[in-house]
Protein backbone atom coordinates (compact mmCIF):
# COMPACT_ATOMS: atom_id res chain seq x y z
CA MET A 1 -17.26 -28.98 27.22
CA PRO A 2 -16.13 -26.89 23.90
CA THR A 3 -19.25 -25.44 21.94
CA GLN A 4 -19.13 -25.93 18.33
CA SER A 5 -18.74 -22.80 16.27
CA SER A 6 -21.06 -22.19 13.62
CA GLY A 7 -21.74 -19.97 10.65
CA VAL A 8 -23.70 -17.67 12.83
CA ASP A 9 -20.32 -16.30 14.68
CA PHE A 10 -18.68 -15.59 11.05
CA VAL A 11 -21.97 -13.64 9.92
CA ASP A 12 -22.33 -11.78 13.38
CA LYS A 13 -18.58 -10.68 12.80
CA ILE A 14 -19.33 -9.24 9.40
CA PHE A 15 -22.23 -7.47 10.65
CA ASN A 16 -20.66 -6.11 13.71
CA PHE A 17 -18.06 -4.37 11.32
CA SER A 18 -17.33 -0.77 13.03
CA ILE A 19 -16.57 2.49 11.06
CA SER A 20 -13.01 2.60 12.23
CA SER A 21 -12.21 -0.93 11.14
CA GLY A 22 -13.30 0.21 7.80
CA VAL A 23 -11.27 3.53 8.01
CA VAL A 24 -8.31 1.10 8.89
CA ILE A 25 -9.15 -1.31 5.78
CA PHE A 26 -9.57 1.87 3.51
CA LEU A 27 -6.29 3.58 4.44
CA LEU A 28 -4.19 0.08 4.25
CA LEU A 29 -5.46 -0.23 0.59
CA PHE A 30 -4.94 3.22 -0.17
CA VAL A 31 -1.10 2.52 0.95
CA VAL A 32 -0.74 -0.72 -0.74
CA PHE A 33 -2.27 0.97 -4.17
CA TYR A 34 0.45 4.14 -3.55
CA VAL A 35 3.45 1.25 -3.16
CA ILE A 36 2.01 -0.20 -6.61
CA PHE A 37 2.12 3.34 -8.07
CA SER A 38 5.51 4.12 -6.89
CA ILE A 39 7.07 0.88 -8.44
CA ILE A 40 5.10 1.88 -11.88
CA LEU A 41 6.43 5.35 -11.62
CA ILE A 42 10.39 4.08 -11.13
CA ARG A 43 9.57 1.82 -14.55
CA GLN A 44 8.02 4.68 -16.27
CA LEU A 45 11.36 6.72 -15.49
CA VAL A 46 13.41 4.10 -16.44
CA ILE A 47 11.72 4.00 -19.95
CA MET A 48 11.80 7.44 -20.37
CA ALA A 49 15.42 7.77 -19.42
CA LYS A 50 15.91 5.34 -22.24
CA SER A 51 14.10 7.33 -25.17
CA ILE A 52 15.10 10.87 -23.93
CA THR A 53 18.04 11.86 -22.36
CA THR A 54 18.10 14.88 -19.97
CA SER A 55 20.41 16.19 -16.95
CA LEU A 56 17.49 15.59 -14.55
CA GLY A 57 17.14 11.98 -15.44
CA GLY A 58 19.40 10.73 -12.45
CA ILE A 59 17.71 13.24 -10.04
CA LEU A 60 14.19 12.01 -10.90
CA LYS A 61 15.03 8.35 -10.66
CA PHE A 62 16.83 8.87 -7.42
CA LEU A 63 13.68 11.02 -6.19
CA SER A 64 11.43 8.02 -7.30
CA ILE A 65 13.65 5.43 -5.59
CA ILE A 66 13.26 7.75 -2.22
CA ASN A 67 9.40 7.87 -2.94
CA LEU A 68 9.39 4.00 -3.25
CA PHE A 69 11.40 3.37 0.17
CA ALA A 70 9.32 6.12 2.02
CA SER A 71 5.90 4.48 0.77
CA LEU A 72 7.25 1.09 1.69
CA LEU A 73 8.15 2.48 5.17
CA VAL A 74 4.53 3.96 5.73
CA LEU A 75 3.22 0.60 4.47
CA LEU A 76 5.25 -1.24 7.26
CA ILE A 77 4.41 1.45 10.02
CA ALA A 78 0.80 0.99 9.12
CA LEU A 79 0.75 -2.98 9.02
CA SER A 80 2.57 -2.66 12.45
CA LEU A 81 -0.03 -0.53 13.95
CA ILE A 82 -2.70 -2.98 13.29
């Protein structure tokens, strides 16, 4: 006969929170925020390129796009390891 699940199981899961799962959650949040930072970086470089023209504008934009793809790759790898 199946037993009914109560709120006690949920509370038990919360209090059995281990240090390793806390580290994993922290690292995932860090990577998500870094992806957001990379998106903001590209946006600001585009705005900068419109107002100030330099010979390094294209190189900086290229490097920021590589940075975004690398951060997305790290996020996908981190999510696949959970």
